[in-house]
């Protein structure tokens, strides 16, 4: 099936309230333009330089979708990222939140922030440990920022062959999401739980995800 057909198939299968975010890592501008034409509303990039090249190549077509930063964001890339993306899904520390807020204020932009949860406590992955007090502290800091709006939590979970084995990590993140929502933090609007990729999105949705991140399942294998 074509990229468009793949997207429309998944869009029909998953609940209407679930946002499908397309991971554009290594994809061509033509491939991304095709999926936008099919109705995709949200696109994600892992690297700022790749996002910059994609937006430049696509021109006005790029701005028909909302762009997310879904990879680690280095401090020296924040300024460029803020000019390209609407959502940063990988906020994981108070220091990072403060740095993004400061730079966003300089260009008078309010950006949506997701707290990245390292649900598997993996040393090789970014994200905050799934400890409620730590997550609460970071959520409180973001809610105090003028140019960051806390809108969600995100997790990748460990890379495991059986999606069922990832379920506990999704459940941990869902529990944290519910706890943070119940804080009713001023300025926060927690409405997105970003969990699940091509091999695990069905399990993630069962555990409460309302934003799934798909790449190969839509675009096919990477070159």
C-alpha atoms as a PDB file:
ATOM      1  CA  UNK A   1       0.000   0.000   0.000  1.00  0.00           C
ATOM      2  CA  UNK A   2       1.016   3.608  -0.505  1.00  0.00           C
ATOM      3  CA  UNK A   3       1.884   6.010   2.317  1.00  0.00           C
ATOM      4  CA  UNK A   4      -1.534   7.628   1.999  1.00  0.00           C
ATOM      5  CA  UNK A   5      -3.303   4.274   2.116  1.00  0.00           C
ATOM      6  CA  UNK A   6      -1.308   3.204   5.179  1.00  0.00           C
ATOM      7  CA  UNK A   7      -2.211   6.410   6.984  1.00  0.00           C
ATOM      8  CA  UNK A   8      -5.893   6.227   6.121  1.00  0.00           C
ATOM      9  CA  UNK A   9      -6.052   2.574   7.191  1.00  0.00           C
ATOM     10  CA  UNK A  10      -4.648   3.360  10.650  1.00  0.00           C
ATOM     11  CA  UNK A  11      -6.730   6.519  10.925  1.00  0.00           C
ATOM     12  CA  UNK A  12      -9.842   4.413  10.358  1.00  0.00           C
ATOM     13  CA  UNK A  13      -8.752   1.738  12.838  1.00  0.00           C
ATOM     14  CA  UNK A  14      -7.879   3.892  15.846  1.00  0.00           C
ATOM     15  CA  UNK A  15     -10.371   5.931  17.886  1.00  0.00           C
ATOM     16  CA  UNK A  16     -11.129   9.392  16.537  1.00  0.00           C
ATOM     17  CA  UNK A  17      -9.800  11.062  19.691  1.00  0.00           C
ATOM     18  CA  UNK A  18      -6.342   9.530  19.196  1.00  0.00           C
ATOM     19  CA  UNK A  19      -3.901  11.876  17.465  1.00  0.00           C
ATOM     20  CA  UNK A  20      -1.571  10.194  14.979  1.00  0.00           C
ATOM     21  CA  UNK A  21       1.852  11.819  15.011  1.00  0.00           C
ATOM     22  CA  UNK A  22       4.062  10.845  12.073  1.00  0.00           C
ATOM     23  CA  UNK A  23       7.751  10.401  12.891  1.00  0.00           C
ATOM     24  CA  UNK A  24       9.591  11.912   9.934  1.00  0.00           C
ATOM     25  CA  UNK A  25      13.133  10.773  10.709  1.00  0.00           C
ATOM     26  CA  UNK A  26      14.990  10.065   7.402  1.00  0.00           C
ATOM     27  CA  UNK A  27      11.825  10.661   5.340  1.00  0.00           C
ATOM     28  CA  UNK A  28      11.798  12.777   2.183  1.00  0.00           C
ATOM     29  CA  UNK A  29       9.811  16.009   1.762  1.00  0.00           C
ATOM     30  CA  UNK A  30       7.698  14.305  -0.903  1.00  0.00           C
ATOM     31  CA  UNK A  31       6.777  11.459   1.456  1.00  0.00           C
ATOM     32  CA  UNK A  32       5.808  13.908   4.184  1.00  0.00           C
ATOM     33  CA  UNK A  33       3.829  16.065   1.760  1.00  0.00           C
ATOM     34  CA  UNK A  34       1.911  12.954   0.677  1.00  0.00           C
ATOM     35  CA  UNK A  35       0.847  12.115   4.212  1.00  0.00           C
ATOM     36  CA  UNK A  36      -0.173  15.724   4.888  1.00  0.00           C
ATOM     37  CA  UNK A  37      -2.348  15.585   1.784  1.00  0.00           C
ATOM     38  CA  UNK A  38      -3.933  12.417   3.187  1.00  0.00           C
ATOM     39  CA  UNK A  39      -4.961  14.306   6.314  1.00  0.00           C
ATOM     40  CA  UNK A  40      -2.045  14.062   8.741  1.00  0.00           C
ATOM     41  CA  UNK A  41      -2.103  16.941  11.209  1.00  0.00           C
ATOM     42  CA  UNK A  42       0.933  16.257  13.412  1.00  0.00           C
ATOM     43  CA  UNK A  43       4.533  15.563  12.418  1.00  0.00           C
ATOM     44  CA  UNK A  44       7.590  14.836  14.544  1.00  0.00           C
ATOM     45  CA  UNK A  45      11.327  15.222  14.122  1.00  0.00           C
ATOM     46  CA  UNK A  46      14.149  13.783  16.195  1.00  0.00           C
ATOM     47  CA  UNK A  47      16.760  16.319  15.112  1.00  0.00           C
ATOM     48  CA  UNK A  48      16.569  20.090  14.763  1.00  0.00           C
ATOM     49  CA  UNK A  49      18.711  20.144  11.614  1.00  0.00           C
ATOM     50  CA  UNK A  50      16.491  17.557   9.953  1.00  0.00           C
ATOM     51  CA  UNK A  51      13.394  19.587  10.855  1.00  0.00           C
ATOM     52  CA  UNK A  52      14.998  22.726   9.461  1.00  0.00           C
ATOM     53  CA  UNK A  53      15.834  21.036   6.160  1.00  0.00           C
ATOM     54  CA  UNK A  54      12.364  19.487   5.926  1.00  0.00           C
ATOM     55  CA  UNK A  55      10.499  22.759   6.509  1.00  0.00           C
ATOM     56  CA  UNK A  56      12.734  24.637   4.080  1.00  0.00           C
ATOM     57  CA  UNK A  57      12.236  22.040   1.345  1.00  0.00           C
ATOM     58  CA  UNK A  58       8.467  21.822   1.799  1.00  0.00           C
ATOM     59  CA  UNK A  59       7.709  25.542   1.931  1.00  0.00           C
ATOM     60  CA  UNK A  60       4.117  26.486   2.758  1.00  0.00           C
ATOM     61  CA  UNK A  61       3.019  22.836   2.753  1.00  0.00           C
ATOM     62  CA  UNK A  62       4.965  22.273   5.956  1.00  0.00           C
ATOM     63  CA  UNK A  63       2.796  24.749   7.840  1.00  0.00           C
ATOM     64  CA  UNK A  64      -0.367  22.768   7.148  1.00  0.00           C
ATOM     65  CA  UNK A  65       0.667  20.527  10.063  1.00  0.00           C
ATOM     66  CA  UNK A  66       1.765  20.949  13.656  1.00  0.00           C
ATOM     67  CA  UNK A  67       5.431  20.072  14.231  1.00  0.00           C
ATOM     68  CA  UNK A  68       6.713  18.293  17.324  1.00  0.00           C
ATOM     69  CA  UNK A  69      10.219  17.818  18.681  1.00  0.00           C
ATOM     70  CA  UNK A  70      10.336  14.145  19.670  1.00  0.00           C
ATOM     71  CA  UNK A  71      14.091  13.708  20.128  1.00  0.00           C
ATOM     72  CA  UNK A  72      16.390  15.067  22.848  1.00  0.00           C
ATOM     73  CA  UNK A  73      16.764  18.847  22.596  1.00  0.00           C
ATOM     74  CA  UNK A  74      20.230  20.212  23.299  1.00  0.00           C
ATOM     75  CA  UNK A  75      20.554  23.662  24.834  1.00  0.00           C
ATOM     76  CA  UNK A  76      22.444  25.047  21.830  1.00  0.00           C
ATOM     77  CA  UNK A  77      19.606  23.953  19.515  1.00  0.00           C
ATOM     78  CA  UNK A  78      16.722  25.535  21.437  1.00  0.00           C
ATOM     79  CA  UNK A  79      16.629  28.805  19.468  1.00  0.00           C
ATOM     80  CA  UNK A  80      16.417  27.014  16.117  1.00  0.00           C
ATOM     81  CA  UNK A  81      13.892  24.492  17.419  1.00  0.00           C
ATOM     82  CA  UNK A  82      11.538  27.206  18.635  1.00  0.00           C
ATOM     83  CA  UNK A  83      11.344  28.654  15.146  1.00  0.00           C
ATOM     84  CA  UNK A  84      10.361  25.286  13.711  1.00  0.00           C
ATOM     85  CA  UNK A  85       8.185  23.412  16.167  1.00  0.00           C
ATOM     86  CA  UNK A  86       4.963  24.002  18.077  1.00  0.00           C
ATOM     87  CA  UNK A  87       5.396  21.199  20.605  1.00  0.00           C
ATOM     88  CA  UNK A  88       8.428  19.927  22.526  1.00  0.00           C
ATOM     89  CA  UNK A  89       7.726  16.409  23.791  1.00  0.00           C
ATOM     90  CA  UNK A  90      11.076  15.867  25.481  1.00  0.00           C
ATOM     91  CA  UNK A  91      11.164  18.287  28.422  1.00  0.00           C
ATOM     92  CA  UNK A  92      12.836  16.398  31.245  1.00  0.00           C
ATOM     93  CA  UNK A  93      14.339  18.833  33.759  1.00  0.00           C
ATOM     94  CA  UNK A  94      13.676  22.140  35.494  1.00  0.00           C
ATOM     95  CA  UNK A  95      16.877  23.571  34.035  1.00  0.00           C
ATOM     96  CA  UNK A  96      15.846  22.645  30.503  1.00  0.00           C
ATOM     97  CA  UNK A  97      12.321  24.048  30.990  1.00  0.00           C
ATOM     98  CA  UNK A  98      13.768  27.349  32.200  1.00  0.00           C
ATOM     99  CA  UNK A  99      16.120  27.539  29.210  1.00  0.00           C
ATOM    100  CA  UNK A 100      13.308  26.894  26.715  1.00  0.00           C
ATOM    101  CA  UNK A 101      11.007  29.393  28.447  1.00  0.00           C
ATOM    102  CA  UNK A 102      13.650  32.124  28.379  1.00  0.00           C
ATOM    103  CA  UNK A 103      14.381  31.688  24.701  1.00  0.00           C
ATOM    104  CA  UNK A 104      10.702  31.422  23.786  1.00  0.00           C
ATOM    105  CA  UNK A 105      10.062  34.711  25.580  1.00  0.00           C
ATOM    106  CA  UNK A 106      12.635  36.423  23.369  1.00  0.00           C
ATOM    107  CA  UNK A 107      10.605  35.627  20.263  1.00  0.00           C
ATOM    108  CA  UNK A 108       7.251  36.074  21.981  1.00  0.00           C
ATOM    109  CA  UNK A 109       6.189  32.479  21.365  1.00  0.00           C
ATOM    110  CA  UNK A 110       4.246  30.109  23.595  1.00  0.00           C
ATOM    111  CA  UNK A 111       5.200  26.491  22.981  1.00  0.00           C
ATOM    112  CA  UNK A 112       3.419  23.344  24.126  1.00  0.00           C
ATOM    113  CA  UNK A 113       5.507  21.185  26.468  1.00  0.00           C
ATOM    114  CA  UNK A 114       5.266  17.475  27.252  1.00  0.00           C
ATOM    115  CA  UNK A 115       7.201  15.954  30.137  1.00  0.00           C
ATOM    116  CA  UNK A 116       9.226  12.978  28.907  1.00  0.00           C
ATOM    117  CA  UNK A 117       9.028  10.043  31.316  1.00  0.00           C
ATOM    118  CA  UNK A 118      11.859   7.513  31.298  1.00  0.00           C
ATOM    119  CA  UNK A 119       9.397   4.823  32.328  1.00  0.00           C
ATOM    120  CA  UNK A 120      11.972   2.038  32.124  1.00  0.00           C
ATOM    121  CA  UNK A 121      14.612   4.001  34.082  1.00  0.00           C
ATOM    122  CA  UNK A 122      17.050   3.279  31.251  1.00  0.00           C
ATOM    123  CA  UNK A 123      20.442   4.948  31.569  1.00  0.00           C
ATOM    124  CA  UNK A 124      20.832   5.278  27.802  1.00  0.00           C
ATOM    125  CA  UNK A 125      17.596   7.245  27.359  1.00  0.00           C
ATOM    126  CA  UNK A 126      16.618  10.779  28.240  1.00  0.00           C
ATOM    127  CA  UNK A 127      13.589  11.620  30.326  1.00  0.00           C
ATOM    128  CA  UNK A 128      12.741  12.046  33.983  1.00  0.00           C
ATOM    129  CA  UNK A 129      12.447   8.965  36.183  1.00  0.00           C
ATOM    130  CA  UNK A 130       8.864   7.863  36.883  1.00  0.00           C
ATOM    131  CA  UNK A 131       8.909   9.282  40.396  1.00  0.00           C
ATOM    132  CA  UNK A 132       5.805  11.342  41.159  1.00  0.00           C
ATOM    133  CA  UNK A 133       7.534  13.881  43.390  1.00  0.00           C
ATOM    134  CA  UNK A 134      10.118  14.604  40.693  1.00  0.00           C
ATOM    135  CA  UNK A 135       7.489  14.791  37.969  1.00  0.00           C
ATOM    136  CA  UNK A 136       5.338  17.010  40.198  1.00  0.00           C
ATOM    137  CA  UNK A 137       8.252  19.397  40.734  1.00  0.00           C
ATOM    138  CA  UNK A 138       8.921  19.681  37.011  1.00  0.00           C
ATOM    139  CA  UNK A 139       5.235  20.077  36.184  1.00  0.00           C
ATOM    140  CA  UNK A 140       4.981  22.846  38.758  1.00  0.00           C
ATOM    141  CA  UNK A 141       7.946  24.667  37.256  1.00  0.00           C
ATOM    142  CA  UNK A 142       6.542  24.444  33.721  1.00  0.00           C
ATOM    143  CA  UNK A 143       3.171  25.733  34.927  1.00  0.00           C
ATOM    144  CA  UNK A 144       4.942  28.840  36.250  1.00  0.00           C
ATOM    145  CA  UNK A 145       6.541  29.582  32.863  1.00  0.00           C
ATOM    146  CA  UNK A 146       4.987  32.298  30.729  1.00  0.00           C
ATOM    147  CA  UNK A 147       6.078  30.828  27.411  1.00  0.00           C
ATOM    148  CA  UNK A 148       5.672  27.104  28.086  1.00  0.00           C
ATOM    149  CA  UNK A 149       2.261  25.467  28.375  1.00  0.00           C
ATOM    150  CA  UNK A 150       2.184  22.026  29.943  1.00  0.00           C
ATOM    151  CA  UNK A 151      -0.089  19.894  27.753  1.00  0.00           C
ATOM    152  CA  UNK A 152       1.062  16.317  28.098  1.00  0.00           C
ATOM    153  CA  UNK A 153       3.288  13.473  29.177  1.00  0.00           C
ATOM    154  CA  UNK A 154       5.299  11.271  26.830  1.00  0.00           C
ATOM    155  CA  UNK A 155       7.137   7.993  27.141  1.00  0.00           C
ATOM    156  CA  UNK A 156       8.885   5.638  24.759  1.00  0.00           C
ATOM    157  CA  UNK A 157       9.227   2.668  27.055  1.00  0.00           C
ATOM    158  CA  UNK A 158      11.892  -0.014  26.575  1.00  0.00           C
ATOM    159  CA  UNK A 159      12.396  -1.534  23.131  1.00  0.00           C
ATOM    160  CA  UNK A 160      10.977  -5.029  23.633  1.00  0.00           C
ATOM    161  CA  UNK A 161       9.917  -7.569  21.029  1.00  0.00           C
ATOM    162  CA  UNK A 162       6.556  -8.319  22.627  1.00  0.00           C
ATOM    163  CA  UNK A 163       4.304  -5.232  22.938  1.00  0.00           C
ATOM    164  CA  UNK A 164       2.624  -6.879  25.935  1.00  0.00           C
ATOM    165  CA  UNK A 165       5.907  -6.568  27.814  1.00  0.00           C
ATOM    166  CA  UNK A 166       5.775  -2.782  27.360  1.00  0.00           C
ATOM    167  CA  UNK A 167       2.290  -2.523  28.890  1.00  0.00           C
ATOM    168  CA  UNK A 168       3.518  -2.016  32.495  1.00  0.00           C
ATOM    169  CA  UNK A 169       5.616   0.973  31.414  1.00  0.00           C
ATOM    170  CA  UNK A 170       2.657   2.548  29.647  1.00  0.00           C
ATOM    171  CA  UNK A 171       0.581   1.951  32.768  1.00  0.00           C
ATOM    172  CA  UNK A 172       3.180   3.682  34.952  1.00  0.00           C
ATOM    173  CA  UNK A 173       3.098   6.719  32.681  1.00  0.00           C
ATOM    174  CA  UNK A 174      -0.710   6.763  32.596  1.00  0.00           C
ATOM    175  CA  UNK A 175      -0.771   6.756  36.407  1.00  0.00           C
ATOM    176  CA  UNK A 176       1.619   9.720  36.491  1.00  0.00           C
ATOM    177  CA  UNK A 177      -0.495  11.513  33.894  1.00  0.00           C
ATOM    178  CA  UNK A 178      -3.603  11.091  36.028  1.00  0.00           C
ATOM    179  CA  UNK A 179      -1.789  12.294  39.142  1.00  0.00           C
ATOM    180  CA  UNK A 180      -0.432  15.400  37.408  1.00  0.00           C
ATOM    181  CA  UNK A 181      -3.865  16.193  35.959  1.00  0.00           C
ATOM    182  CA  UNK A 182      -5.343  15.975  39.435  1.00  0.00           C
ATOM    183  CA  UNK A 183      -2.945  18.677  40.633  1.00  0.00           C
ATOM    184  CA  UNK A 184      -4.963  21.214  38.605  1.00  0.00           C
ATOM    185  CA  UNK A 185      -1.863  23.328  38.106  1.00  0.00           C
ATOM    186  CA  UNK A 186      -2.575  26.911  37.016  1.00  0.00           C
ATOM    187  CA  UNK A 187      -1.599  27.515  33.408  1.00  0.00           C
ATOM    188  CA  UNK A 188      -1.437  23.796  32.600  1.00  0.00           C
ATOM    189  CA  UNK A 189      -3.843  22.084  30.213  1.00  0.00           C
ATOM    190  CA  UNK A 190      -2.948  18.420  30.430  1.00  0.00           C
ATOM    191  CA  UNK A 191      -4.743  16.691  27.568  1.00  0.00           C
ATOM    192  CA  UNK A 192      -2.198  14.506  25.741  1.00  0.00           C
ATOM    193  CA  UNK A 193      -0.698  11.190  26.746  1.00  0.00           C
ATOM    194  CA  UNK A 194       1.857  10.384  24.052  1.00  0.00           C
ATOM    195  CA  UNK A 195       2.669   6.658  24.093  1.00  0.00           C
ATOM    196  CA  UNK A 196       3.030   3.892  21.549  1.00  0.00           C
ATOM    197  CA  UNK A 197       4.833   3.436  18.271  1.00  0.00           C
ATOM    198  CA  UNK A 198       4.299   1.229  15.221  1.00  0.00           C
ATOM    199  CA  UNK A 199       4.686  -2.088  17.076  1.00  0.00           C
ATOM    200  CA  UNK A 200       3.051  -1.049  20.343  1.00  0.00           C
ATOM    201  CA  UNK A 201       0.380   1.563  19.632  1.00  0.00           C
ATOM    202  CA  UNK A 202      -2.541  -0.822  20.106  1.00  0.00           C
ATOM    203  CA  UNK A 203      -1.390  -1.725  23.613  1.00  0.00           C
ATOM    204  CA  UNK A 204      -0.661   1.954  24.324  1.00  0.00           C
ATOM    205  CA  UNK A 205      -4.198   2.967  23.354  1.00  0.00           C
ATOM    206  CA  UNK A 206      -5.598   0.262  25.628  1.00  0.00           C
ATOM    207  CA  UNK A 207      -3.555   1.831  28.439  1.00  0.00           C
ATOM    208  CA  UNK A 208      -4.904   5.321  27.786  1.00  0.00           C
ATOM    209  CA  UNK A 209      -2.694   6.840  25.103  1.00  0.00           C
ATOM    210  CA  UNK A 210      -4.384   9.476  22.974  1.00  0.00           C
ATOM    211  CA  UNK A 211      -1.345  10.301  20.846  1.00  0.00           C
ATOM    212  CA  UNK A 212       0.616   7.612  19.012  1.00  0.00           C
ATOM    213  CA  UNK A 213       3.903   8.104  17.156  1.00  0.00           C
ATOM    214  CA  UNK A 214       4.128   6.114  13.927  1.00  0.00           C
ATOM    215  CA  UNK A 215       6.966   5.919  11.428  1.00  0.00           C
ATOM    216  CA  UNK A 216       7.663   2.672   9.617  1.00  0.00           C
ATOM    217  CA  UNK A 217       4.031   1.600   9.940  1.00  0.00           C
ATOM    218  CA  UNK A 218       3.063   4.483   7.657  1.00  0.00           C
ATOM    219  CA  UNK A 219       6.143   5.288   5.587  1.00  0.00           C
ATOM    220  CA  UNK A 220       7.612   1.789   5.363  1.00  0.00           C
ATOM    221  CA  UNK A 221      11.165   0.736   6.341  1.00  0.00           C
ATOM    222  CA  UNK A 222      13.779   3.475   6.565  1.00  0.00           C
ATOM    223  CA  UNK A 223      16.300   3.721   3.764  1.00  0.00           C
END
